[in-house]
Amino acid sequence: MTLERFASIAHENVHTDGLNERGSEAALNVPGGSMNSTFSTLGDRQSIGSALRNGMTGATSVTPRWRHALGDVVPVSVLFELRAFAPVRYMKKPDAPFY
């Protein structure tokens, strides 16, 4: 059995430009924005090797880990209809850059 501990850290900076639609009453006004997020991971890689009947080897592995996000962890875009000025919030779960 082998045991390998690991730690990783990643920083993500995302900037989006705004947009203004023209035309109908359903035209949107979307302000630009920025996000700064940091992601960390701590964990163990555990594997057990075994010999198979035909001379080949196989391995079984498990990777328990703990992940944490800091900073802007819930991205939100606010859209405005130009005529009504009614804000519509769009929320998305953050995608952590882990493999």
PDB file of N, CA and C in Angstrom:
ATOM      1  N   MET A   1       0.845  -1.176   0.000  1.00  0.00           N
ATOM      2  CA  MET A   1       0.000   0.000   0.000  1.00  0.00           C
ATOM      3  C   MET A   1       0.891   1.239   0.000  1.00  0.00           C
ATOM      4  N   THR A   2       0.547   2.194  -0.823  1.00  0.00           N
ATOM      5  CA  THR A   2       1.271   3.460  -0.849  1.00  0.00           C
ATOM      6  C   THR A   2       0.345   4.583  -0.391  1.00  0.00           C
ATOM      7  N   LEU A   3       0.928   5.565   0.252  1.00  0.00           N
ATOM      8  CA  LEU A   3       0.181   6.720   0.741  1.00  0.00           C
ATOM      9  C   LEU A   3       0.947   7.976   0.341  1.00  0.00           C
ATOM     10  N   GLU A   4       0.275   8.878  -0.342  1.00  0.00           N
ATOM     11  CA  GLU A   4       0.903  10.118  -0.802  1.00  0.00           C
ATOM     12  C   GLU A   4       0.001  11.286  -0.404  1.00  0.00           C
ATOM     13  N   ARG A   5       0.503  12.175   0.407  1.00  0.00           N
ATOM     14  CA  ARG A   5      -0.249  13.364   0.796  1.00  0.00           C
ATOM     15  C   ARG A   5       0.005  14.472  -0.216  1.00  0.00           C
ATOM     16  N   PHE A   6      -1.002  15.312  -0.442  1.00  0.00           N
ATOM     17  CA  PHE A   6      -0.827  16.403  -1.395  1.00  0.00           C
ATOM     18  C   PHE A   6      -1.594  17.641  -0.940  1.00  0.00           C
ATOM     19  N   ALA A   7      -1.168  18.766  -1.455  1.00  0.00           N
ATOM     20  CA  ALA A   7      -1.837  20.047  -1.233  1.00  0.00           C
ATOM     21  C   ALA A   7      -1.732  20.847  -2.524  1.00  0.00           C
ATOM     22  N   SER A   8      -2.783  21.591  -2.831  1.00  0.00           N
ATOM     23  CA  SER A   8      -2.736  22.445  -4.020  1.00  0.00           C
ATOM     24  C   SER A   8      -3.479  23.735  -3.729  1.00  0.00           C
ATOM     25  N   ILE A   9      -3.088  24.767  -4.448  1.00  0.00           N
ATOM     26  CA  ILE A   9      -3.743  26.057  -4.326  1.00  0.00           C
ATOM     27  C   ILE A   9      -3.822  26.669  -5.720  1.00  0.00           C
ATOM     28  N   ALA A  10      -4.941  27.317  -6.010  1.00  0.00           N
ATOM     29  CA  ALA A  10      -5.131  27.942  -7.317  1.00  0.00           C
ATOM     30  C   ALA A  10      -5.871  29.260  -7.117  1.00  0.00           C
ATOM     31  N   HIS A  11      -5.495  30.264  -7.904  1.00  0.00           N
ATOM     32  CA  HIS A  11      -6.181  31.559  -7.857  1.00  0.00           C
ATOM     33  C   HIS A  11      -6.793  31.824  -9.222  1.00  0.00           C
ATOM     34  N   GLU A  12      -7.997  32.330  -9.212  1.00  0.00           N
ATOM     35  CA  GLU A  12      -8.723  32.586 -10.457  1.00  0.00           C
ATOM     36  C   GLU A  12      -9.196  34.035 -10.467  1.00  0.00           C
ATOM     37  N   ASN A  13      -8.849  34.767 -11.521  1.00  0.00           N
ATOM     38  CA  ASN A  13      -9.282  36.154 -11.698  1.00  0.00           C
ATOM     39  C   ASN A  13     -10.042  36.221 -13.009  1.00  0.00           C
ATOM     40  N   VAL A  14     -11.332  36.547 -12.927  1.00  0.00           N
ATOM     41  CA  VAL A  14     -12.182  36.596 -14.112  1.00  0.00           C
ATOM     42  C   VAL A  14     -12.758  37.999 -14.244  1.00  0.00           C
ATOM     43  N   HIS A  15     -12.636  38.578 -15.433  1.00  0.00           N
ATOM     44  CA  HIS A  15     -13.235  39.887 -15.711  1.00  0.00           C
ATOM     45  C   HIS A  15     -14.124  39.741 -16.941  1.00  0.00           C
ATOM     46  N   THR A  16     -15.337  40.258 -16.840  1.00  0.00           N
ATOM     47  CA  THR A  16     -16.248  40.227 -17.978  1.00  0.00           C
ATOM     48  C   THR A  16     -16.625  41.646 -18.360  1.00  0.00           C
ATOM     49  N   ASP A  17     -16.747  41.870 -19.646  1.00  0.00           N
ATOM     50  CA  ASP A  17     -17.199  43.170 -20.142  1.00  0.00           C
ATOM     51  C   ASP A  17     -18.723  43.216 -20.082  1.00  0.00           C
ATOM     52  N   GLY A  18     -19.258  44.410 -19.982  1.00  0.00           N
ATOM     53  CA  GLY A  18     -20.703  44.583 -19.994  1.00  0.00           C
ATOM     54  C   GLY A  18     -21.225  44.608 -21.422  1.00  0.00           C
ATOM     55  N   LEU A  19     -22.546  44.621 -21.547  1.00  0.00           N
ATOM     56  CA  LEU A  19     -23.146  44.730 -22.870  1.00  0.00           C
ATOM     57  C   LEU A  19     -24.450  45.508 -22.760  1.00  0.00           C
ATOM     58  N   ASN A  20     -24.790  46.205 -23.816  1.00  0.00           N
ATOM     59  CA  ASN A  20     -26.049  46.935 -23.920  1.00  0.00           C
ATOM     60  C   ASN A  20     -26.714  46.562 -25.235  1.00  0.00           C
ATOM     61  N   GLU A  21     -27.891  45.973 -25.152  1.00  0.00           N
ATOM     62  CA  GLU A  21     -28.645  45.628 -26.354  1.00  0.00           C
ATOM     63  C   GLU A  21     -29.531  46.807 -26.745  1.00  0.00           C
ATOM     64  N   ARG A  22     -29.780  46.928 -28.016  1.00  0.00           N
ATOM     65  CA  ARG A  22     -30.686  47.961 -28.508  1.00  0.00           C
ATOM     66  C   ARG A  22     -31.819  47.292 -29.263  1.00  0.00           C
ATOM     67  N   GLY A  23     -32.926  47.996 -29.368  1.00  0.00           N
ATOM     68  CA  GLY A  23     -34.004  47.458 -30.175  1.00  0.00           C
ATOM     69  C   GLY A  23     -35.319  47.408 -29.446  1.00  0.00           C
ATOM     70  N   SER A  24     -35.710  46.240 -29.021  1.00  0.00           N
ATOM     71  CA  SER A  24     -37.049  46.040 -28.467  1.00  0.00           C
ATOM     72  C   SER A  24     -37.108  46.377 -26.983  1.00  0.00           C
ATOM     73  N   GLU A  25     -38.301  46.183 -26.413  1.00  0.00           N
ATOM     74  CA  GLU A  25     -38.490  46.417 -24.984  1.00  0.00           C
ATOM     75  C   GLU A  25     -37.772  45.372 -24.147  1.00  0.00           C
ATOM     76  N   ALA A  26     -37.399  44.262 -24.721  1.00  0.00           N
ATOM     77  CA  ALA A  26     -36.715  43.202 -23.991  1.00  0.00           C
ATOM     78  C   ALA A  26     -35.194  43.338 -24.057  1.00  0.00           C
ATOM     79  N   ALA A  27     -34.691  44.484 -24.530  1.00  0.00           N
ATOM     80  CA  ALA A  27     -33.242  44.693 -24.611  1.00  0.00           C
ATOM     81  C   ALA A  27     -32.643  44.672 -23.203  1.00  0.00           C
ATOM     82  N   LEU A  28     -31.461  44.110 -23.092  1.00  0.00           N
ATOM     83  CA  LEU A  28     -30.821  43.947 -21.789  1.00  0.00           C
ATOM     84  C   LEU A  28     -29.651  44.894 -21.612  1.00  0.00           C
ATOM     85  N   ASN A  29     -29.398  45.259 -20.380  1.00  0.00           N
ATOM     86  CA  ASN A  29     -28.218  46.029 -19.978  1.00  0.00           C
ATOM     87  C   ASN A  29     -27.501  45.180 -18.938  1.00  0.00           C
ATOM     88  N   VAL A  30     -26.308  44.727 -19.258  1.00  0.00           N
ATOM     89  CA  VAL A  30     -25.543  43.862 -18.361  1.00  0.00           C
ATOM     90  C   VAL A  30     -24.249  44.573 -18.005  1.00  0.00           C
ATOM     91  N   PRO A  31     -24.068  44.967 -16.739  1.00  0.00           N
ATOM     92  CA  PRO A  31     -22.827  45.622 -16.353  1.00  0.00           C
ATOM     93  C   PRO A  31     -21.658  44.627 -16.324  1.00  0.00           C
ATOM     94  N   GLY A  32     -20.461  45.118 -16.544  1.00  0.00           N
ATOM     95  CA  GLY A  32     -19.271  44.280 -16.451  1.00  0.00           C
ATOM     96  C   GLY A  32     -18.974  43.964 -15.000  1.00  0.00           C
ATOM     97  N   GLY A  33     -18.038  43.080 -14.776  1.00  0.00           N
ATOM     98  CA  GLY A  33     -17.699  42.721 -13.404  1.00  0.00           C
ATOM     99  C   GLY A  33     -16.411  41.928 -13.326  1.00  0.00           C
ATOM    100  N   SER A  34     -15.933  41.765 -12.111  1.00  0.00           N
ATOM    101  CA  SER A  34     -14.721  40.992 -11.855  1.00  0.00           C
ATOM    102  C   SER A  34     -14.933  40.066 -10.678  1.00  0.00           C
ATOM    103  N   MET A  35     -14.222  38.952 -10.691  1.00  0.00           N
ATOM    104  CA  MET A  35     -14.225  37.997  -9.588  1.00  0.00           C
ATOM    105  C   MET A  35     -12.802  37.572  -9.286  1.00  0.00           C
ATOM    106  N   ASN A  36     -12.483  37.469  -8.010  1.00  0.00           N
ATOM    107  CA  ASN A  36     -11.200  36.939  -7.565  1.00  0.00           C
ATOM    108  C   ASN A  36     -11.486  35.834  -6.561  1.00  0.00           C
ATOM    109  N   SER A  37     -11.090  34.615  -6.890  1.00  0.00           N
ATOM    110  CA  SER A  37     -11.350  33.461  -6.035  1.00  0.00           C
ATOM    111  C   SER A  37     -10.075  32.652  -5.871  1.00  0.00           C
ATOM    112  N   THR A  38      -9.901  32.089  -4.681  1.00  0.00           N
ATOM    113  CA  THR A  38      -8.768  31.212  -4.397  1.00  0.00           C
ATOM    114  C   THR A  38      -9.322  29.874  -3.930  1.00  0.00           C
ATOM    115  N   PHE A  39      -8.784  28.790  -4.465  1.00  0.00           N
ATOM    116  CA  PHE A  39      -9.223  27.444  -4.130  1.00  0.00           C
ATOM    117  C   PHE A  39      -8.040  26.658  -3.568  1.00  0.00           C
ATOM    118  N   SER A  40      -8.288  25.898  -2.494  1.00  0.00           N
ATOM    119  CA  SER A  40      -7.235  25.060  -1.922  1.00  0.00           C
ATOM    120  C   SER A  40      -7.763  23.638  -1.746  1.00  0.00           C
ATOM    121  N   THR A  41      -6.844  22.677  -1.805  1.00  0.00           N
ATOM    122  CA  THR A  41      -7.186  21.264  -1.627  1.00  0.00           C
ATOM    123  C   THR A  41      -6.103  20.592  -0.794  1.00  0.00           C
ATOM    124  N   LEU A  42      -6.529  19.796   0.172  1.00  0.00           N
ATOM    125  CA  LEU A  42      -5.632  18.942   0.959  1.00  0.00           C
ATOM    126  C   LEU A  42      -6.169  17.519   0.852  1.00  0.00           C
ATOM    127  N   GLY A  43      -5.282  16.532   0.719  1.00  0.00           N
ATOM    128  CA  GLY A  43      -5.786  15.172   0.606  1.00  0.00           C
ATOM    129  C   GLY A  43      -4.711  14.112   0.653  1.00  0.00           C
ATOM    130  N   ASP A  44      -5.159  12.869   0.521  1.00  0.00           N
ATOM    131  CA  ASP A  44      -4.290  11.688   0.498  1.00  0.00           C
ATOM    132  C   ASP A  44      -4.621  10.861  -0.729  1.00  0.00           C
ATOM    133  N   ARG A  45      -3.589  10.337  -1.369  1.00  0.00           N
ATOM    134  CA  ARG A  45      -3.779   9.343  -2.425  1.00  0.00           C
ATOM    135  C   ARG A  45      -3.321   8.009  -1.849  1.00  0.00           C
ATOM    136  N   GLN A  46      -4.224   7.060  -1.820  1.00  0.00           N
ATOM    137  CA  GLN A  46      -3.913   5.740  -1.278  1.00  0.00           C
ATOM    138  C   GLN A  46      -4.130   4.720  -2.382  1.00  0.00           C
ATOM    139  N   SER A  47      -3.166   3.831  -2.558  1.00  0.00           N
ATOM    140  CA  SER A  47      -3.336   2.800  -3.578  1.00  0.00           C
ATOM    141  C   SER A  47      -2.762   1.473  -3.095  1.00  0.00           C
ATOM    142  N   ILE A  48      -3.388   0.410  -3.575  1.00  0.00           N
ATOM    143  CA  ILE A  48      -2.949  -0.950  -3.254  1.00  0.00           C
ATOM    144  C   ILE A  48      -2.749  -1.673  -4.575  1.00  0.00           C
ATOM    145  N   GLY A  49      -1.555  -2.193  -4.784  1.00  0.00           N
ATOM    146  CA  GLY A  49      -1.259  -2.947  -5.994  1.00  0.00           C
ATOM    147  C   GLY A  49      -1.454  -4.428  -5.765  1.00  0.00           C
ATOM    148  N   SER A  50      -1.770  -5.158  -6.845  1.00  0.00           N
ATOM    149  CA  SER A  50      -1.934  -6.603  -6.731  1.00  0.00           C
ATOM    150  C   SER A  50      -1.523  -7.261  -8.043  1.00  0.00           C
ATOM    151  N   ALA A  51      -1.051  -8.493  -7.928  1.00  0.00           N
ATOM    152  CA  ALA A  51      -0.664  -9.265  -9.110  1.00  0.00           C
ATOM    153  C   ALA A  51      -1.867 -10.073  -9.579  1.00  0.00           C
ATOM    154  N   LEU A  52      -2.095 -10.073 -10.873  1.00  0.00           N
ATOM    155  CA  LEU A  52      -3.188 -10.831 -11.452  1.00  0.00           C
ATOM    156  C   LEU A  52      -2.694 -12.193 -11.933  1.00  0.00           C
ATOM    157  N   ARG A  53      -3.603 -13.102 -12.263  1.00  0.00           N
ATOM    158  CA  ARG A  53      -3.240 -14.470 -12.651  1.00  0.00           C
ATOM    159  C   ARG A  53      -2.388 -14.546 -13.907  1.00  0.00           C
ATOM    160  N   ASN A  54      -2.612 -13.623 -14.853  1.00  0.00           N
ATOM    161  CA  ASN A  54      -1.894 -13.706 -16.125  1.00  0.00           C
ATOM    162  C   ASN A  54      -0.563 -12.954 -16.105  1.00  0.00           C
ATOM    163  N   GLY A  55      -0.077 -12.585 -14.937  1.00  0.00           N
ATOM    164  CA  GLY A  55       1.217 -11.912 -14.818  1.00  0.00           C
ATOM    165  C   GLY A  55       1.129 -10.396 -14.858  1.00  0.00           C
ATOM    166  N   MET A  56      -0.034  -9.866 -15.118  1.00  0.00           N
ATOM    167  CA  MET A  56      -0.205  -8.412 -15.130  1.00  0.00           C
ATOM    168  C   MET A  56      -0.426  -7.920 -13.703  1.00  0.00           C
ATOM    169  N   THR A  57      -0.269  -6.640 -13.513  1.00  0.00           N
ATOM    170  CA  THR A  57      -0.524  -6.060 -12.201  1.00  0.00           C
ATOM    171  C   THR A  57      -1.702  -5.090 -12.292  1.00  0.00           C
ATOM    172  N   GLY A  58      -2.404  -4.930 -11.183  1.00  0.00           N
ATOM    173  CA  GLY A  58      -3.526  -4.007 -11.111  1.00  0.00           C
ATOM    174  C   GLY A  58      -3.391  -3.155  -9.871  1.00  0.00           C
ATOM    175  N   ALA A  59      -4.146  -2.092  -9.803  1.00  0.00           N
ATOM    176  CA  ALA A  59      -4.094  -1.213  -8.640  1.00  0.00           C
ATOM    177  C   ALA A  59      -5.488  -0.674  -8.345  1.00  0.00           C
ATOM    178  N   THR A  60      -5.765  -0.532  -7.069  1.00  0.00           N
ATOM    179  CA  THR A  60      -6.993   0.098  -6.600  1.00  0.00           C
ATOM    180  C   THR A  60      -6.584   1.337  -5.824  1.00  0.00           C
ATOM    181  N   SER A  61      -7.227   2.460  -6.098  1.00  0.00           N
ATOM    182  CA  SER A  61      -6.825   3.689  -5.421  1.00  0.00           C
ATOM    183  C   SER A  61      -8.032   4.445  -4.880  1.00  0.00           C
ATOM    184  N   VAL A  62      -7.786   5.210  -3.823  1.00  0.00           N
ATOM    185  CA  VAL A  62      -8.779   6.060  -3.177  1.00  0.00           C
ATOM    186  C   VAL A  62      -8.118   7.406  -2.920  1.00  0.00           C
ATOM    187  N   THR A  63      -8.870   8.492  -3.137  1.00  0.00           N
ATOM    188  CA  THR A  63      -8.316   9.834  -2.914  1.00  0.00           C
ATOM    189  C   THR A  63      -9.302  10.677  -2.106  1.00  0.00           C
ATOM    190  N   PRO A  64      -9.279  10.560  -0.770  1.00  0.00           N
ATOM    191  CA  PRO A  64     -10.099  11.468   0.029  1.00  0.00           C
ATOM    192  C   PRO A  64      -9.450  12.851   0.060  1.00  0.00           C
ATOM    193  N   ARG A  65     -10.270  13.908  -0.031  1.00  0.00           N
ATOM    194  CA  ARG A  65      -9.692  15.253  -0.040  1.00  0.00           C
ATOM    195  C   ARG A  65     -10.666  16.254   0.569  1.00  0.00           C
ATOM    196  N   TRP A  66     -10.113  17.384   0.971  1.00  0.00           N
ATOM    197  CA  TRP A  66     -10.881  18.500   1.517  1.00  0.00           C
ATOM    198  C   TRP A  66     -10.616  19.704   0.636  1.00  0.00           C
ATOM    199  N   ARG A  67     -11.688  20.355   0.169  1.00  0.00           N
ATOM    200  CA  ARG A  67     -11.562  21.521  -0.699  1.00  0.00           C
ATOM    201  C   ARG A  67     -12.176  22.734  -0.015  1.00  0.00           C
ATOM    202  N   HIS A  68     -11.574  23.896  -0.261  1.00  0.00           N
ATOM    203  CA  HIS A  68     -12.073  25.135   0.332  1.00  0.00           C
ATOM    204  C   HIS A  68     -11.925  26.260  -0.681  1.00  0.00           C
ATOM    205  N   ALA A  69     -12.898  27.154  -0.706  1.00  0.00           N
ATOM    206  CA  ALA A  69     -12.857  28.310  -1.608  1.00  0.00           C
ATOM    207  C   ALA A  69     -12.906  29.586  -0.782  1.00  0.00           C
ATOM    208  N   LEU A  70     -12.123  30.578  -1.202  1.00  0.00           N
ATOM    209  CA  LEU A  70     -12.061  31.882  -0.533  1.00  0.00           C
ATOM    210  C   LEU A  70     -12.321  32.976  -1.552  1.00  0.00           C
ATOM    211  N   GLY A  71     -12.782  34.113  -1.080  1.00  0.00           N
ATOM    212  CA  GLY A  71     -12.991  35.252  -1.976  1.00  0.00           C
ATOM    213  C   GLY A  71     -14.386  35.245  -2.566  1.00  0.00           C
ATOM    214  N   ASP A  72     -14.483  35.603  -3.841  1.00  0.00           N
ATOM    215  CA  ASP A  72     -15.769  35.645  -4.548  1.00  0.00           C
ATOM    216  C   ASP A  72     -16.138  34.228  -4.971  1.00  0.00           C
ATOM    217  N   VAL A  73     -16.902  33.538  -4.143  1.00  0.00           N
ATOM    218  CA  VAL A  73     -17.176  32.122  -4.417  1.00  0.00           C
ATOM    219  C   VAL A  73     -18.531  31.886  -5.071  1.00  0.00           C
ATOM    220  N   VAL A  74     -19.426  32.871  -5.105  1.00  0.00           N
ATOM    221  CA  VAL A  74     -20.719  32.727  -5.775  1.00  0.00           C
ATOM    222  C   VAL A  74     -20.848  33.836  -6.805  1.00  0.00           C
ATOM    223  N   PRO A  75     -20.600  33.517  -8.091  1.00  0.00           N
ATOM    224  CA  PRO A  75     -20.720  34.546  -9.121  1.00  0.00           C
ATOM    225  C   PRO A  75     -22.172  34.949  -9.340  1.00  0.00           C
ATOM    226  N   VAL A  76     -22.403  36.241  -9.459  1.00  0.00           N
ATOM    227  CA  VAL A  76     -23.744  36.763  -9.679  1.00  0.00           C
ATOM    228  C   VAL A  76     -23.686  37.792 -10.793  1.00  0.00           C
ATOM    229  N   SER A  77     -24.572  37.675 -11.765  1.00  0.00           N
ATOM    230  CA  SER A  77     -24.724  38.688 -12.804  1.00  0.00           C
ATOM    231  C   SER A  77     -26.091  39.318 -12.627  1.00  0.00           C
ATOM    232  N   VAL A  78     -26.141  40.632 -12.716  1.00  0.00           N
ATOM    233  CA  VAL A  78     -27.415  41.331 -12.607  1.00  0.00           C
ATOM    234  C   VAL A  78     -27.756  41.891 -13.977  1.00  0.00           C
ATOM    235  N   LEU A  79     -28.922  41.503 -14.499  1.00  0.00           N
ATOM    236  CA  LEU A  79     -29.375  41.943 -15.812  1.00  0.00           C
ATOM    237  C   LEU A  79     -30.518  42.938 -15.623  1.00  0.00           C
ATOM    238  N   PHE A  80     -30.553  43.983 -16.415  1.00  0.00           N
ATOM    239  CA  PHE A  80     -31.614  44.970 -16.345  1.00  0.00           C
ATOM    240  C   PHE A  80     -32.324  45.045 -17.688  1.00  0.00           C
ATOM    241  N   GLU A  81     -33.645  45.003 -17.667  1.00  0.00           N
ATOM    242  CA  GLU A  81     -34.399  45.301 -18.875  1.00  0.00           C
ATOM    243  C   GLU A  81     -34.421  46.819 -19.001  1.00  0.00           C
ATOM    244  N   LEU A  82     -34.081  47.339 -20.161  1.00  0.00           N
ATOM    245  CA  LEU A  82     -33.908  48.778 -20.313  1.00  0.00           C
ATOM    246  C   LEU A  82     -35.180  49.575 -20.043  1.00  0.00           C
ATOM    247  N   ARG A  83     -36.323  49.075 -20.411  1.00  0.00           N
ATOM    248  CA  ARG A  83     -37.556  49.838 -20.192  1.00  0.00           C
ATOM    249  C   ARG A  83     -38.059  49.691 -18.762  1.00  0.00           C
ATOM    250  N   ALA A  84     -38.064  48.498 -18.242  1.00  0.00           N
ATOM    251  CA  ALA A  84     -38.661  48.262 -16.926  1.00  0.00           C
ATOM    252  C   ALA A  84     -37.669  48.487 -15.779  1.00  0.00           C
ATOM    253  N   PHE A  85     -36.369  48.410 -16.034  1.00  0.00           N
ATOM    254  CA  PHE A  85     -35.341  48.495 -15.002  1.00  0.00           C
ATOM    255  C   PHE A  85     -35.599  47.512 -13.864  1.00  0.00           C
ATOM    256  N   ALA A  86     -36.065  46.348 -14.221  1.00  0.00           N
ATOM    257  CA  ALA A  86     -36.317  45.306 -13.232  1.00  0.00           C
ATOM    258  C   ALA A  86     -35.113  44.374 -13.185  1.00  0.00           C
ATOM    259  N   PRO A  87     -34.372  44.347 -12.069  1.00  0.00           N
ATOM    260  CA  PRO A  87     -33.193  43.481 -12.017  1.00  0.00           C
ATOM    261  C   PRO A  87     -33.564  42.002 -11.982  1.00  0.00           C
ATOM    262  N   VAL A  88     -32.806  41.228 -12.711  1.00  0.00           N
ATOM    263  CA  VAL A  88     -32.957  39.780 -12.725  1.00  0.00           C
ATOM    264  C   VAL A  88     -31.604  39.217 -12.327  1.00  0.00           C
ATOM    265  N   ARG A  89     -31.572  38.453 -11.247  1.00  0.00           N
ATOM    266  CA  ARG A  89     -30.289  37.900 -10.786  1.00  0.00           C
ATOM    267  C   ARG A  89     -30.083  36.510 -11.358  1.00  0.00           C
ATOM    268  N   TYR A  90     -28.867  36.260 -11.782  1.00  0.00           N
ATOM    269  CA  TYR A  90     -28.479  34.957 -12.296  1.00  0.00           C
ATOM    270  C   TYR A  90     -27.345  34.477 -11.416  1.00  0.00           C
ATOM    271  N   MET A  91     -27.530  33.359 -10.727  1.00  0.00           N
ATOM    272  CA  MET A  91     -26.492  32.821  -9.847  1.00  0.00           C
ATOM    273  C   MET A  91     -26.024  31.485 -10.385  1.00  0.00           C
ATOM    274  N   LYS A  92     -24.748  31.220 -10.229  1.00  0.00           N
ATOM    275  CA  LYS A  92     -24.155  30.000 -10.745  1.00  0.00           C
ATOM    276  C   LYS A  92     -23.218  29.437  -9.699  1.00  0.00           C
ATOM    277  N   LYS A  93     -23.225  28.134  -9.528  1.00  0.00           N
ATOM    278  CA  LYS A  93     -22.301  27.488  -8.604  1.00  0.00           C
ATOM    279  C   LYS A  93     -20.882  27.603  -9.160  1.00  0.00           C
ATOM    280  N   PRO A  94     -19.904  27.970  -8.313  1.00  0.00           N
ATOM    281  CA  PRO A  94     -18.542  28.115  -8.819  1.00  0.00           C
ATOM    282  C   PRO A  94     -17.938  26.779  -9.250  1.00  0.00           C
ATOM    283  N   ASP A  95     -17.134  26.827 -10.278  1.00  0.00           N
ATOM    284  CA  ASP A  95     -16.434  25.645 -10.768  1.00  0.00           C
ATOM    285  C   ASP A  95     -14.990  25.721 -10.297  1.00  0.00           C
ATOM    286  N   ALA A  96     -14.618  24.854  -9.409  1.00  0.00           N
ATOM    287  CA  ALA A  96     -13.260  24.850  -8.884  1.00  0.00           C
ATOM    288  C   ALA A  96     -12.321  24.170  -9.874  1.00  0.00           C
ATOM    289  N   PRO A  97     -11.155  24.752 -10.143  1.00  0.00           N
ATOM    290  CA  PRO A  97     -10.227  24.161 -11.128  1.00  0.00           C
ATOM    291  C   PRO A  97      -9.397  23.029 -10.531  1.00  0.00           C
ATOM    292  N   PHE A  98     -10.033  21.900 -10.179  1.00  0.00           N
ATOM    293  CA  PHE A  98      -9.324  20.777  -9.586  1.00  0.00           C
ATOM    294  C   PHE A  98      -9.409  19.574 -10.507  1.00  0.00           C
ATOM    295  N   TYR A  99      -8.378  18.774 -10.486  1.00  0.00           N
ATOM    296  CA  TYR A  99      -8.339  17.552 -11.301  1.00  0.00           C
ATOM    297  C   TYR A  99      -7.988  16.396 -10.432  1.00  0.00           C
TER     298      TYR A  99
END
